[in-house]
Amino acid sequence: DMDAPAAPFADVLQGEWYAPYVNWANEAGVMTGYEGAGTFGVGDPLTREQFASMVARAAGADLDAADTSVLEGFGDADGVSGWAETAMAWAVENGVISGVELDDGSRA
């Protein structure tokens, strides 16, 4: 249902084509915008961390049960933001994200 109330993001123009979708995603709790910024990030690329968080919310994932040690298999694991660790771990555990294999056989 695309009749969700207007999302409270300063960068979402309600007359634009994307507004009903942003409103729905915000109302459903799937996408929450940039924490503390009051913006959605219209036009910003979606990061893997944001994607994992969004899919986990949409799936109703129990992030408290996620085992963050699965991230240790990725060479760039230390670059995962603290706010995204459990969502990234959930995404790896559930096959949503598997990374890419590098030339040396490691994953990133």
Protein backbone atom coordinates (compact mmCIF):
# COMPACT_ATOMS: atom_id res chain seq x y z
CA ASP A 1 0.00 0.00 0.00
CA MET A 2 1.58 3.26 -1.12
CA ASP A 3 -0.66 5.46 1.06
CA ALA A 4 1.84 5.74 3.91
CA PRO A 5 2.20 9.11 5.65
CA ALA A 6 4.93 11.44 4.43
CA ALA A 7 8.34 10.37 5.70
CA PRO A 8 10.06 12.98 7.89
CA PHE A 9 13.13 13.41 5.68
CA ALA A 10 14.22 16.89 4.57
CA ASP A 11 15.54 15.59 1.24
CA VAL A 12 12.40 13.69 0.20
CA LEU A 13 10.23 15.89 -2.00
CA GLN A 14 6.70 14.55 -1.69
CA GLY A 15 5.76 15.42 -5.27
CA GLU A 16 8.55 13.31 -6.77
CA TRP A 17 8.04 9.82 -8.23
CA TYR A 18 10.03 8.13 -5.44
CA ALA A 19 8.19 9.70 -2.49
CA PRO A 20 5.45 7.05 -2.08
CA TYR A 21 8.09 4.31 -2.01
CA VAL A 22 10.25 6.13 0.53
CA ASN A 23 7.16 6.84 2.62
CA TRP A 24 6.20 3.15 2.55
CA ALA A 25 9.74 1.95 3.37
CA ASN A 26 9.93 4.36 6.30
CA GLU A 27 6.47 3.46 7.62
CA ALA A 28 7.26 -0.27 7.33
CA GLY A 29 10.56 0.23 9.18
CA VAL A 30 12.57 -1.18 6.28
CA MET A 31 14.54 2.01 5.64
CA THR A 32 15.08 4.59 8.34
CA GLY A 33 17.32 7.19 6.70
CA TYR A 34 20.57 8.50 8.10
CA GLU A 35 20.45 8.29 11.87
CA GLY A 36 20.41 11.71 13.48
CA ALA A 37 20.59 13.55 10.14
CA GLY A 38 16.90 13.79 9.28
CA THR A 39 17.64 12.80 5.68
CA PHE A 40 16.97 9.74 3.57
CA GLY A 41 19.91 10.08 1.19
CA VAL A 42 18.02 10.52 -2.06
CA GLY A 43 20.43 9.77 -4.89
CA ASP A 44 23.09 8.23 -2.63
CA PRO A 45 24.40 4.80 -3.60
CA LEU A 46 23.28 1.97 -1.29
CA THR A 47 26.20 0.42 0.62
CA ARG A 48 26.45 -3.27 1.47
CA GLU A 49 25.94 -2.37 5.13
CA GLN A 50 22.78 -0.42 4.35
CA PHE A 51 21.54 -3.20 2.07
CA ALA A 52 22.12 -5.87 4.72
CA SER A 53 20.33 -3.76 7.36
CA MET A 54 17.40 -3.10 5.05
CA VAL A 55 16.97 -6.76 4.06
CA ALA A 56 17.32 -7.91 7.67
CA ARG A 57 14.58 -5.49 8.76
CA ALA A 58 12.33 -6.55 5.88
CA ALA A 59 12.87 -10.22 6.80
CA GLY A 60 12.17 -9.60 10.49
CA ALA A 61 15.60 -11.05 11.32
CA ASP A 62 16.63 -11.73 14.91
CA LEU A 63 19.90 -9.82 14.82
CA ASP A 64 20.66 -10.70 18.44
CA ALA A 65 21.16 -14.28 17.25
CA ALA A 66 23.63 -13.32 14.50
CA ASP A 67 27.15 -14.68 14.97
CA THR A 68 29.50 -11.84 14.06
CA SER A 69 32.46 -14.24 13.96
CA VAL A 70 31.36 -15.18 10.41
CA LEU A 71 32.69 -11.80 9.32
CA GLU A 72 36.24 -12.87 10.22
CA GLY A 73 36.40 -14.81 6.95
CA PHE A 74 36.48 -11.54 5.02
CA GLY A 75 39.66 -9.53 4.62
CA ASP A 76 37.77 -6.26 5.00
CA ALA A 77 35.82 -7.32 8.12
CA ASP A 78 37.51 -4.65 10.21
CA GLY A 79 35.92 -2.04 7.93
CA VAL A 80 32.35 -3.03 8.86
CA SER A 81 30.71 -0.24 10.85
CA GLY A 82 29.67 -1.14 14.38
CA TRP A 83 26.02 -0.33 13.67
CA ALA A 84 26.00 -2.84 10.79
CA GLU A 85 27.93 -5.79 12.24
CA THR A 86 24.97 -7.94 13.26
CA ALA A 87 23.05 -7.22 10.05
CA MET A 88 26.11 -8.05 7.94
CA ALA A 89 26.65 -11.26 9.93
CA TRP A 90 22.98 -12.21 9.48
CA ALA A 91 23.26 -11.54 5.74
CA VAL A 92 26.35 -13.76 5.45
CA GLU A 93 24.82 -16.54 7.58
CA ASN A 94 21.68 -16.54 5.43
CA GLY A 95 23.40 -16.37 2.04
CA VAL A 96 22.19 -12.84 1.26
CA ILE A 97 25.78 -11.57 0.94
CA SER A 98 28.74 -13.78 0.16
CA GLY A 99 31.37 -11.22 -0.79
CA VAL A 100 33.67 -11.52 -3.76
CA GLU A 101 36.64 -13.83 -4.15
CA LEU A 102 39.94 -12.02 -4.56
CA ASP A 103 42.90 -13.25 -6.61
CA ASP A 104 44.56 -14.70 -3.49
CA GLY A 105 41.45 -16.75 -2.63
CA SER A 106 40.35 -14.52 0.25
CA ARG A 107 36.93 -12.89 0.30
CA ALA A 108 36.00 -9.24 0.64
